Protein backbone atom coordinates (compact mmCIF):
# COMPACT_ATOMS: atom_id res chain seq x y z
CA MET A 1 -6.50 -0.59 -29.14
CA THR A 2 -10.06 0.22 -28.10
CA TYR A 3 -12.55 -2.17 -26.50
CA ALA A 4 -15.51 -2.21 -24.12
CA LEU A 5 -15.93 -4.21 -20.92
CA VAL A 6 -19.55 -5.39 -20.79
CA ASN A 7 -21.88 -7.64 -18.79
CA CYS A 8 -20.53 -6.68 -15.38
CA ARG A 9 -21.36 -4.77 -12.27
CA ILE A 10 -19.10 -1.72 -12.08
CA PHE A 11 -17.84 -0.15 -8.89
CA ASP A 12 -16.53 3.18 -10.15
CA GLY A 13 -14.86 4.20 -6.90
CA LYS A 14 -17.99 5.77 -5.45
CA ARG A 15 -21.00 3.59 -6.26
CA LEU A 16 -22.13 0.41 -7.99
CA LEU A 17 -23.35 0.75 -11.58
CA ILE A 18 -25.54 -1.73 -13.46
CA GLY A 19 -26.23 -1.93 -17.19
CA GLN A 20 -23.22 0.11 -18.24
CA ALA A 21 -19.98 -0.53 -20.10
CA VAL A 22 -16.43 0.73 -19.67
CA ILE A 23 -14.69 1.81 -22.87
CA VAL A 24 -10.91 1.43 -22.73
CA GLU A 25 -8.66 3.18 -25.22
CA ALA A 26 -4.94 2.44 -25.07
CA GLU A 27 -3.99 2.85 -21.38
CA GLN A 28 -6.90 5.05 -20.34
CA ILE A 29 -10.57 4.84 -19.56
CA LYS A 30 -12.26 6.66 -22.41
CA GLU A 31 -15.85 6.58 -21.19
CA ILE A 32 -18.50 4.82 -19.11
CA VAL A 33 -21.70 4.53 -21.12
CA GLU A 34 -25.10 2.91 -21.07
CA LEU A 35 -25.04 -0.41 -22.94
CA ASP A 36 -27.55 0.75 -25.53
CA LEU A 37 -25.30 3.72 -26.37
CA LEU A 38 -22.30 1.51 -27.05
CA PRO A 39 -21.16 1.72 -30.70
CA ASN A 40 -21.87 -1.48 -32.64
CA ASP A 41 -18.40 -1.64 -34.17
CA ILE A 42 -16.47 -1.64 -30.89
CA GLU A 43 -14.92 -4.88 -29.63
CA ARG A 44 -16.77 -6.19 -26.57
CA VAL A 45 -15.22 -8.20 -23.73
CA ASP A 46 -17.90 -10.16 -21.86
CA LEU A 47 -17.19 -10.27 -18.10
CA ASN A 48 -19.96 -12.77 -17.32
CA GLY A 49 -21.66 -10.72 -14.65
CA ALA A 50 -18.62 -10.34 -12.38
CA LEU A 51 -17.69 -7.21 -10.41
CA LEU A 52 -15.32 -4.71 -12.02
CA ALA A 53 -13.52 -2.43 -9.56
CA PRO A 54 -10.56 -0.04 -9.59
CA GLY A 55 -7.23 -1.85 -9.31
CA PHE A 56 -5.87 -2.15 -5.80
CA ILE A 57 -3.14 0.22 -4.60
CA ASP A 58 -0.70 -1.09 -1.99
CA LEU A 59 1.59 1.51 -0.39
CA GLN A 60 3.67 -0.99 1.61
CA VAL A 61 5.12 -4.01 -0.19
CA ASN A 62 8.37 -5.50 1.10
CA GLY A 63 8.35 -8.48 -1.22
CA GLY A 64 6.46 -11.14 -3.12
CA GLY A 65 7.01 -13.93 -5.60
CA GLY A 66 9.78 -15.31 -3.41
CA VAL A 67 11.71 -12.01 -3.55
CA LEU A 68 12.53 -9.62 -0.70
CA PHE A 69 13.30 -6.15 -2.03
CA ASN A 70 16.00 -5.57 0.62
CA ASP A 71 17.85 -8.65 -0.65
CA ASP A 72 17.30 -8.15 -4.38
CA ILE A 73 17.47 -4.45 -5.17
CA SER A 74 17.10 -4.83 -8.91
CA VAL A 75 14.61 -4.08 -11.66
CA GLU A 76 14.18 -7.83 -12.20
CA GLY A 77 13.43 -8.32 -8.50
CA LEU A 78 10.80 -5.57 -8.61
CA LEU A 79 9.17 -7.16 -11.65
CA SER A 80 8.85 -10.47 -9.77
CA ILE A 81 7.30 -8.67 -6.80
CA ALA A 82 4.90 -6.68 -8.98
CA LYS A 83 3.75 -9.74 -10.94
CA ALA A 84 3.13 -11.68 -7.72
CA HIS A 85 0.88 -8.94 -6.36
CA GLN A 86 -0.88 -8.30 -9.67
CA ARG A 87 -2.29 -11.81 -9.37
CA TYR A 88 -4.23 -10.59 -6.33
CA GLY A 89 -5.57 -7.42 -7.92
CA THR A 90 -2.79 -4.95 -7.07
CA THR A 91 -2.21 -2.79 -10.12
CA ALA A 92 -0.14 -0.12 -8.35
CA LEU A 93 2.30 -0.41 -5.46
CA LEU A 94 5.17 1.14 -3.57
CA PRO A 95 8.04 -1.30 -3.17
CA THR A 96 9.23 -0.83 0.40
CA LEU A 97 12.82 -0.86 1.56
CA ILE A 98 13.09 -1.44 5.28
CA THR A 99 15.90 -0.23 7.54
CA THR A 100 19.29 -0.70 5.91
CA SER A 101 22.51 1.12 5.01
CA PHE A 102 22.46 4.39 3.10
CA PRO A 103 24.29 2.93 0.07
CA LYS A 104 21.47 0.39 -0.27
CA MET A 105 18.93 3.19 0.04
CA GLN A 106 20.71 5.04 -2.77
CA GLN A 107 20.71 1.87 -4.87
CA ALA A 108 16.98 1.41 -4.27
CA MET A 109 16.29 4.96 -5.46
CA LEU A 110 18.14 4.31 -8.70
CA VAL A 111 16.49 0.93 -9.30
CA VAL A 112 12.95 2.11 -8.58
CA ARG A 113 13.44 5.13 -10.85
CA GLU A 114 14.41 2.77 -13.68
CA ALA A 115 11.53 0.40 -12.89
CA GLN A 116 9.03 3.26 -12.97
CA GLN A 117 9.92 3.85 -16.61
CA LYS A 118 9.28 0.21 -17.54
CA TYR A 119 6.48 -1.04 -15.29
CA PRO A 120 3.43 1.13 -14.61
CA GLN A 121 2.65 -0.84 -11.45
CA ILE A 122 5.62 0.75 -9.70
CA LEU A 123 4.51 4.12 -8.30
CA GLY A 124 7.73 4.93 -6.47
CA LEU A 125 9.62 3.98 -3.34
CA HIS A 126 8.58 3.70 0.31
CA LEU A 127 11.54 3.99 2.70
CA GLU A 128 10.43 2.36 5.95
CA GLY A 129 13.19 3.50 8.28
CA PRO A 130 16.04 3.61 9.14
CA TYR A 131 15.16 6.69 11.22
CA ILE A 132 13.01 4.81 13.71
CA SER A 133 12.93 3.74 17.37
CA GLN A 134 15.24 0.94 18.45
CA LYS A 135 12.64 -0.11 21.01
CA ARG A 136 9.86 -0.36 18.40
CA ARG A 137 11.99 -1.57 15.48
CA GLY A 138 10.01 -4.84 15.19
CA THR A 139 11.91 -7.01 12.74
CA HIS A 140 14.08 -4.18 11.33
CA ASP A 141 17.83 -4.76 11.47
CA PRO A 142 19.05 -3.22 14.77
CA ASN A 143 22.48 -2.56 13.25
CA PHE A 144 21.10 0.11 10.91
CA VAL A 145 18.49 1.84 13.09
CA ARG A 146 19.80 5.39 13.55
CA GLU A 147 19.08 9.09 13.87
CA ALA A 148 18.70 11.02 10.64
CA SER A 149 21.61 13.12 9.46
CA TRP A 150 20.98 16.21 7.38
CA ALA A 151 23.22 14.86 4.63
CA GLU A 152 21.03 11.77 4.19
CA ILE A 153 17.78 13.72 4.54
CA GLU A 154 18.87 16.19 1.86
CA GLU A 155 19.79 13.43 -0.58
CA ILE A 156 16.43 11.73 0.00
CA GLY A 157 14.76 15.08 -0.64
CA ASN A 158 16.69 15.45 -3.88
CA ASN A 159 15.16 12.13 -5.00
CA ALA A 160 11.56 13.14 -4.34
CA ASP A 161 10.65 12.10 -7.87
CA VAL A 162 11.05 8.47 -6.78
CA VAL A 163 10.73 8.50 -2.95
CA LYS A 164 7.01 8.86 -2.36
CA VAL A 165 6.77 7.86 1.33
CA ILE A 166 9.23 7.69 4.21
CA THR A 167 8.40 6.18 7.59
CA VAL A 168 10.10 7.90 10.52
CA ALA A 169 9.86 8.09 14.32
CA PRO A 170 10.03 11.23 16.50
CA GLU A 171 12.95 9.66 18.37
CA SER A 172 15.15 9.79 15.27
CA VAL A 173 14.16 12.82 13.19
CA LYS A 174 13.75 16.53 13.85
CA ALA A 175 10.61 18.46 12.98
CA GLU A 176 12.73 20.60 10.63
CA GLN A 177 13.81 17.50 8.73
CA VAL A 178 10.20 16.34 8.35
CA ASN A 179 9.18 19.77 7.12
CA TYR A 180 12.05 19.76 4.61
CA LEU A 181 10.97 16.40 3.15
CA VAL A 182 7.33 17.46 2.98
CA LYS A 183 8.25 20.66 1.11
CA LYS A 184 10.15 18.49 -1.36
CA GLY A 185 6.90 16.57 -2.02
CA ILE A 186 7.53 13.39 0.00
CA LYS A 187 4.78 12.00 2.21
CA VAL A 188 6.08 11.50 5.75
CA SER A 189 4.56 8.62 7.69
CA LEU A 190 4.88 8.09 11.43
CA GLY A 191 5.67 4.59 12.69
CA HIS A 192 8.04 2.28 14.53
CA THR A 193 7.94 4.70 17.44
CA ASP A 194 7.62 4.57 21.21
CA ALA A 195 7.10 8.33 21.44
CA GLN A 196 4.42 10.03 23.49
CA SER A 197 1.65 11.93 21.78
CA LYS A 198 3.27 15.36 22.21
CA ALA A 199 6.27 14.32 20.11
CA VAL A 200 4.05 12.56 17.57
CA LYS A 201 1.80 15.58 17.17
CA ALA A 202 4.85 17.83 16.72
CA LEU A 203 5.76 15.88 13.58
CA GLU A 204 2.17 16.06 12.37
CA LYS A 205 2.42 19.83 12.78
CA ALA A 206 5.66 19.72 10.77
CA GLY A 207 3.78 18.07 7.90
CA ALA A 208 3.59 14.31 8.50
CA THR A 209 0.25 13.08 7.13
CA LEU A 210 0.41 9.28 7.36
CA TYR A 211 0.73 6.53 9.98
CA THR A 212 2.47 3.27 9.09
CA HIS A 213 0.61 0.00 9.86
CA LEU A 214 -1.64 1.42 12.57
CA TYR A 215 -1.40 -0.29 16.01
CA ASN A 216 1.76 -2.20 15.08
CA ALA A 217 5.25 -1.15 16.23
CA MET A 218 4.02 2.02 17.92
CA SER A 219 3.23 3.33 21.41
CA GLN A 220 -0.22 2.20 22.45
CA LEU A 221 -3.37 4.02 23.54
CA GLY A 222 -3.67 4.56 27.30
CA SER A 223 -5.98 6.51 29.57
CA ARG A 224 -3.51 9.31 30.39
CA GLU A 225 -1.08 9.02 27.49
CA VAL A 226 -2.57 8.22 24.11
CA GLY A 227 0.71 7.39 22.37
CA ALA A 228 1.06 7.09 18.61
CA VAL A 229 -2.03 4.90 18.29
CA GLY A 230 -4.23 7.43 20.07
CA SER A 231 -2.65 10.29 18.13
CA ALA A 232 -3.57 8.57 14.87
CA LEU A 233 -7.11 7.80 15.96
CA ASP A 234 -7.56 11.37 17.21
CA SER A 235 -6.11 13.00 14.11
CA ALA A 236 -8.42 15.17 12.06
CA GLU A 237 -6.44 14.96 8.83
CA SER A 238 -3.88 12.13 8.78
CA TYR A 239 -4.35 8.86 6.91
CA ALA A 240 -3.32 5.47 8.29
CA GLY A 241 -2.54 2.14 6.68
CA ILE A 242 -3.66 -1.03 8.43
CA ILE A 243 -2.78 -4.72 7.99
CA VAL A 244 -6.03 -6.72 8.08
CA ASP A 245 -4.70 -10.28 8.15
CA GLY A 246 -6.10 -11.29 11.55
CA PHE A 247 -2.60 -11.51 13.06
CA HIS A 248 -1.37 -7.93 13.20
CA VAL A 249 -4.58 -6.34 14.44
CA ASP A 250 -7.63 -7.80 16.14
CA PHE A 251 -10.68 -7.37 13.96
CA SER A 252 -12.43 -5.43 16.74
CA SER A 253 -9.54 -2.95 16.73
CA VAL A 254 -9.93 -2.63 12.96
CA ARG A 255 -13.59 -1.71 13.48
CA ILE A 256 -12.64 0.91 16.08
CA ALA A 257 -10.06 2.43 13.76
CA LYS A 258 -12.60 2.51 10.93
CA ARG A 259 -15.10 4.38 13.10
CA CYS A 260 -12.46 6.92 14.10
CA LEU A 261 -10.72 7.49 10.78
CA GLY A 262 -13.45 6.70 8.26
CA GLU A 263 -12.22 7.53 4.77
CA ARG A 264 -8.66 8.05 6.03
CA LEU A 265 -8.05 4.38 6.85
CA PHE A 266 -6.65 2.31 3.98
CA LEU A 267 -5.43 -1.24 3.46
CA VAL A 268 -1.79 -2.26 3.17
CA THR A 269 -0.28 -5.72 3.07
CA ASP A 270 3.26 -5.18 4.46
CA ALA A 271 3.83 -8.24 2.28
CA MET A 272 6.90 -10.45 2.36
CA PRO A 273 8.32 -13.01 -0.15
CA PRO A 274 5.70 -15.75 0.55
CA VAL A 275 2.97 -13.82 -1.31
CA GLY A 276 2.57 -15.54 -4.66
CA SER A 277 5.28 -18.06 -3.83
CA ILE A 278 5.84 -21.39 -2.09
CA LYS A 279 8.72 -19.79 -0.19
CA ARG A 280 8.06 -19.88 3.55
CA GLU A 281 11.43 -19.00 5.08
CA PHE A 282 13.64 -15.97 4.52
CA SER A 283 16.00 -13.68 6.41
CA LEU A 284 15.86 -10.00 7.34
CA GLY A 285 19.43 -8.99 8.07
CA PRO A 286 20.53 -11.11 11.04
CA LEU A 287 16.98 -12.31 11.74
CA GLN A 288 15.40 -15.48 10.37
CA VAL A 289 11.71 -15.51 9.48
CA VAL A 290 9.31 -18.43 9.16
CA CYS A 291 5.82 -18.08 7.70
CA GLU A 292 3.26 -20.69 8.80
CA ASN A 293 -0.49 -20.57 8.09
CA GLY A 294 -0.18 -17.01 6.84
CA LYS A 295 1.72 -15.69 9.87
CA CYS A 296 5.34 -14.51 9.49
CA VAL A 297 7.41 -14.53 12.72
CA ASN A 298 11.13 -13.93 13.24
CA ASN A 299 13.42 -15.84 15.59
CA GLU A 300 12.92 -13.16 18.27
CA GLY A 301 9.18 -13.94 18.24
CA ALA A 302 8.13 -10.69 16.54
CA LEU A 303 5.80 -10.42 13.57
CA ALA A 304 7.89 -9.92 10.44
CA GLY A 305 5.64 -8.46 7.78
CA SER A 306 2.84 -10.57 6.37
CA ALA A 307 1.81 -13.14 3.80
CA LEU A 308 -1.27 -11.02 3.05
CA ASP A 309 -2.46 -10.00 -0.40
CA MET A 310 -4.88 -7.16 -1.12
CA ALA A 311 -7.73 -9.37 -2.33
CA THR A 312 -7.62 -11.28 0.96
CA ALA A 313 -7.55 -8.00 2.88
CA VAL A 314 -10.70 -6.88 1.03
CA ARG A 315 -12.40 -10.20 1.82
CA ASN A 316 -11.42 -9.89 5.49
CA MET A 317 -12.86 -6.38 5.67
CA THR A 318 -16.10 -7.48 4.02
CA PHE A 319 -16.75 -10.93 5.45
CA THR A 320 -15.14 -10.65 8.92
CA VAL A 321 -14.80 -6.99 9.94
CA GLY A 322 -18.24 -6.37 8.46
CA VAL A 323 -17.91 -3.19 6.42
CA SER A 324 -19.79 -2.88 3.15
CA LEU A 325 -18.19 -4.21 -0.02
CA VAL A 326 -18.16 -0.68 -1.42
CA GLU A 327 -16.23 0.58 1.60
CA ALA A 328 -13.76 -2.32 1.55
CA LEU A 329 -13.03 -1.64 -2.13
CA LYS A 330 -12.48 2.06 -1.41
CA MET A 331 -9.98 1.11 1.32
CA ALA A 332 -8.02 -0.86 -1.27
CA SER A 333 -8.07 1.71 -4.07
CA LEU A 334 -9.57 5.17 -3.62
CA TYR A 335 -8.30 5.92 -0.12
CA PRO A 336 -4.65 4.96 -0.71
CA ALA A 337 -4.75 7.06 -3.89
CA LEU A 338 -6.00 10.02 -1.87
CA ALA A 339 -3.45 9.38 0.87
CA LEU A 340 -0.63 9.49 -1.68
CA GLY A 341 -2.14 12.38 -3.64
CA ILE A 342 -2.62 10.42 -6.88
CA HIS A 343 -5.27 11.86 -9.19
CA ASN A 344 -5.56 9.26 -11.97
CA LEU A 345 -5.99 6.06 -9.94
CA GLY A 346 -8.56 4.68 -7.50
CA LYS A 347 -11.61 5.22 -9.71
CA ILE A 348 -13.12 3.93 -12.93
CA GLU A 349 -13.68 7.29 -14.51
CA LYS A 350 -13.06 9.07 -17.79
CA GLY A 351 -9.40 10.01 -18.14
CA TYR A 352 -8.22 7.68 -15.35
CA GLN A 353 -5.63 4.97 -15.89
CA ALA A 354 -7.23 1.77 -17.19
CA SER A 355 -6.10 -0.41 -14.28
CA MET A 356 -8.92 -2.52 -12.87
CA VAL A 357 -9.67 -5.81 -11.16
CA LEU A 358 -12.47 -8.28 -11.93
CA LEU A 359 -13.81 -10.11 -8.89
CA SER A 360 -16.03 -13.17 -8.48
CA SER A 361 -18.99 -13.29 -6.08
CA GLN A 362 -16.56 -14.53 -3.40
CA LEU A 363 -14.20 -11.63 -4.21
CA GLU A 364 -11.57 -13.83 -5.83
CA VAL A 365 -9.56 -12.22 -8.63
CA VAL A 366 -10.67 -13.41 -12.08
CA LYS A 367 -8.94 -10.90 -14.36
CA VAL A 368 -6.78 -7.80 -14.04
CA VAL A 369 -6.67 -4.90 -16.46
CA GLN A 370 -3.19 -3.37 -16.19
CA ASN A 371 -2.92 -0.09 -18.09
CA GLY A 372 -5.39 -1.33 -20.67
CA MET A 373 -3.95 -4.84 -21.02
CA ILE A 374 -6.21 -7.69 -19.88
CA VAL A 375 -4.54 -10.42 -17.81
CA ASN A 376 -6.57 -13.61 -17.13
CA TYR A 377 -6.21 -15.73 -13.99
């Protein structure tokens, strides 16, 4: 199937284009052409002047559609999560398994591998923990927080085709283990840590290139000890995800991070089951979580993920934080693609995957193009 998307503004991942059309063939973008060069016999899809942008990429999704991945480690559960987030413009995501037992981690690897074959939205698996700090575990199950054994690390490394990101803390992994995972092709992210900057930087030197939900569940920036937050902000190469829901991070802190990290700061949702669902209560291991007015809190009083979707994160960056629309869209698509090392997503460009989002003037999702298939909302 070949068709052209016309009558729209196009953000191609770098700049806004006017008076052009996107030709889609099967699952790929075939060409971007001037309207007057568009063949007469090609089917045209009129987008009524809306904004066409690359589909959003979310590297940290715990749940959605009423489903928590930790509780429903199945292909069907992943499909429910993916569909819930697609409604808000996310055309690619990493389902995220938070701290749990190793048998469940093994199960998640098998399930995500199967889901990758069926659903192009599923990029792979993000293991958030269990090799994290007990002090900075947040809402992670304290019964499974532990130091990394070589046996587990080696099995994770042997599943590098599916495990794309793993979040670890210096307190619970060795630099040699980080280096091993990186050489296997897994992105190592630093988070849920109370470590001082020296220990954090040692893992960066070992190959860690990401920071998990910047500011949250990590040692804070001080005048004499910069902690994990300061290490991230001072890094010359690492990328960092950030949750821009107004609860996890003050908008002023978002602006500071943006000034420091520039193109290496990207949006994540850290989303929980309420996204795309009426469900407002769920459990994380022994902890109960209630989500009210968009804020998810467990019975210990800690934030427990979010009810954020990527379209809302883009609106918050544009209308409240005050970055340009172009920059907010890059934070939701191009930058996470670069952070993960993906070379066929994050842009509307010849040869790239035909996964795009159509946005209204208020940045509400109107349509999604998922691997060439148009989905109306």
